[in-house]
Amino acid sequence: MMKQYLSRLKGKNKLETVENYSMMFIFIGAVVLSTGIGLSIINTKGLSAILAMLGALTTFVSTATLIVVWVIKEFNEK
């Protein structure tokens, strides 16, 4: 089952594959961030803070990667 999802992330070339993985990690990071923020209602320390920070970091790094991939793709077209 996991193999089916991973095969859908493959692109025509390496840049499209990195773009697809980056979009997936943005979504995963947003879910982790939301979970951490939601858990911070119960307890503001510990796991909830770690999840929120980890989700924010994952989303930020994935977004930066996606922007770099888009710039590279734009320069390769011309």
C-alpha atoms as a PDB file:
ATOM      1  CA  MET A   1       0.000   0.000   0.000  1.00  0.00           C
ATOM      2  CA  MET A   2       2.792   2.422   0.869  1.00  0.00           C
ATOM      3  CA  LYS A   3       4.520   1.495  -2.369  1.00  0.00           C
ATOM      4  CA  GLN A   4       1.512   2.755  -4.339  1.00  0.00           C
ATOM      5  CA  TYR A   5       1.699   6.173  -2.700  1.00  0.00           C
ATOM      6  CA  LEU A   6       5.434   6.439  -3.199  1.00  0.00           C
ATOM      7  CA  SER A   7       5.140   5.480  -6.862  1.00  0.00           C
ATOM      8  CA  ARG A   8       2.669   8.351  -7.366  1.00  0.00           C
ATOM      9  CA  LEU A   9       5.272  10.802  -6.099  1.00  0.00           C
ATOM     10  CA  LYS A  10       7.696   9.928  -8.879  1.00  0.00           C
ATOM     11  CA  GLY A  11       7.902  12.632 -11.513  1.00  0.00           C
ATOM     12  CA  LYS A  12       9.176  12.807 -15.053  1.00  0.00           C
ATOM     13  CA  ASN A  13      12.585  13.909 -13.770  1.00  0.00           C
ATOM     14  CA  LYS A  14      14.398  14.492 -10.488  1.00  0.00           C
ATOM     15  CA  LEU A  15      13.104  18.039 -10.059  1.00  0.00           C
ATOM     16  CA  GLU A  16       9.473  16.987 -10.336  1.00  0.00           C
ATOM     17  CA  THR A  17      10.078  14.162  -7.879  1.00  0.00           C
ATOM     18  CA  VAL A  18      11.652  16.572  -5.373  1.00  0.00           C
ATOM     19  CA  GLU A  19       8.747  18.961  -5.956  1.00  0.00           C
ATOM     20  CA  ASN A  20       6.205  16.226  -5.206  1.00  0.00           C
ATOM     21  CA  TYR A  21       8.029  15.093  -2.060  1.00  0.00           C
ATOM     22  CA  SER A  22       8.331  18.689  -0.907  1.00  0.00           C
ATOM     23  CA  MET A  23       4.590  19.220  -1.290  1.00  0.00           C
ATOM     24  CA  MET A  24       3.944  16.045   0.673  1.00  0.00           C
ATOM     25  CA  PHE A  25       6.247  17.185   3.496  1.00  0.00           C
ATOM     26  CA  ILE A  26       4.531  20.590   3.590  1.00  0.00           C
ATOM     27  CA  PHE A  27       1.251  18.802   4.193  1.00  0.00           C
ATOM     28  CA  ILE A  28       2.783  16.488   6.823  1.00  0.00           C
ATOM     29  CA  GLY A  29       4.438  19.445   8.561  1.00  0.00           C
ATOM     30  CA  ALA A  30       1.140  21.337   8.627  1.00  0.00           C
ATOM     31  CA  VAL A  31      -0.596  18.356  10.217  1.00  0.00           C
ATOM     32  CA  VAL A  32       2.149  17.983  12.841  1.00  0.00           C
ATOM     33  CA  LEU A  33       2.062  21.736  13.529  1.00  0.00           C
ATOM     34  CA  SER A  34      -1.710  21.697  13.942  1.00  0.00           C
ATOM     35  CA  THR A  35      -1.487  18.698  16.245  1.00  0.00           C
ATOM     36  CA  GLY A  36       1.115  20.442  18.383  1.00  0.00           C
ATOM     37  CA  ILE A  37      -0.947  23.618  18.592  1.00  0.00           C
ATOM     38  CA  GLY A  38      -4.051  21.604  19.420  1.00  0.00           C
ATOM     39  CA  LEU A  39      -2.244  19.696  22.157  1.00  0.00           C
ATOM     40  CA  SER A  40      -0.939  22.938  23.611  1.00  0.00           C
ATOM     41  CA  ILE A  41      -4.487  23.644  24.795  1.00  0.00           C
ATOM     42  CA  ILE A  42      -4.111  20.767  27.234  1.00  0.00           C
ATOM     43  CA  ASN A  43      -0.474  21.293  28.198  1.00  0.00           C
ATOM     44  CA  THR A  44       1.810  24.079  27.001  1.00  0.00           C
ATOM     45  CA  LYS A  45       5.034  22.217  27.797  1.00  0.00           C
ATOM     46  CA  GLY A  46       6.643  19.055  26.562  1.00  0.00           C
ATOM     47  CA  LEU A  47       5.385  17.073  23.604  1.00  0.00           C
ATOM     48  CA  SER A  48       2.954  19.687  22.324  1.00  0.00           C
ATOM     49  CA  ALA A  49       5.670  22.341  22.078  1.00  0.00           C
ATOM     50  CA  ILE A  50       8.060  19.904  20.405  1.00  0.00           C
ATOM     51  CA  LEU A  51       5.422  18.863  17.859  1.00  0.00           C
ATOM     52  CA  ALA A  52       4.565  22.463  17.059  1.00  0.00           C
ATOM     53  CA  MET A  53       8.230  23.390  16.553  1.00  0.00           C
ATOM     54  CA  LEU A  54       8.951  20.263  14.524  1.00  0.00           C
ATOM     55  CA  GLY A  55       5.926  20.890  12.305  1.00  0.00           C
ATOM     56  CA  ALA A  56       6.922  24.508  11.765  1.00  0.00           C
ATOM     57  CA  LEU A  57      10.488  23.503  10.904  1.00  0.00           C
ATOM     58  CA  THR A  58       9.348  20.781   8.498  1.00  0.00           C
ATOM     59  CA  THR A  59       6.939  23.121   6.755  1.00  0.00           C
ATOM     60  CA  PHE A  60       9.530  25.892   6.491  1.00  0.00           C
ATOM     61  CA  VAL A  61      12.290  23.666   5.104  1.00  0.00           C
ATOM     62  CA  SER A  62       9.922  22.009   2.634  1.00  0.00           C
ATOM     63  CA  THR A  63       8.612  25.372   1.444  1.00  0.00           C
ATOM     64  CA  ALA A  64      12.142  26.710   0.975  1.00  0.00           C
ATOM     65  CA  THR A  65      13.052  23.562  -0.958  1.00  0.00           C
ATOM     66  CA  LEU A  66       9.976  23.938  -3.141  1.00  0.00           C
ATOM     67  CA  ILE A  67      10.846  27.550  -3.955  1.00  0.00           C
ATOM     68  CA  VAL A  68      14.410  26.567  -4.893  1.00  0.00           C
ATOM     69  CA  VAL A  69      13.083  23.777  -7.129  1.00  0.00           C
ATOM     70  CA  TRP A  70      10.723  26.217  -8.849  1.00  0.00           C
ATOM     71  CA  VAL A  71      13.573  28.672  -9.461  1.00  0.00           C
ATOM     72  CA  ILE A  72      15.775  25.917 -10.881  1.00  0.00           C
ATOM     73  CA  LYS A  73      12.947  24.729 -13.135  1.00  0.00           C
ATOM     74  CA  GLU A  74      12.357  28.293 -14.329  1.00  0.00           C
ATOM     75  CA  PHE A  75      16.021  28.783 -15.224  1.00  0.00           C
ATOM     76  CA  ASN A  76      16.203  25.403 -16.981  1.00  0.00           C
ATOM     77  CA  GLU A  77      13.258  26.248 -19.242  1.00  0.00           C
ATOM     78  CA  LYS A  78      15.060  29.192 -20.826  1.00  0.00           C
END
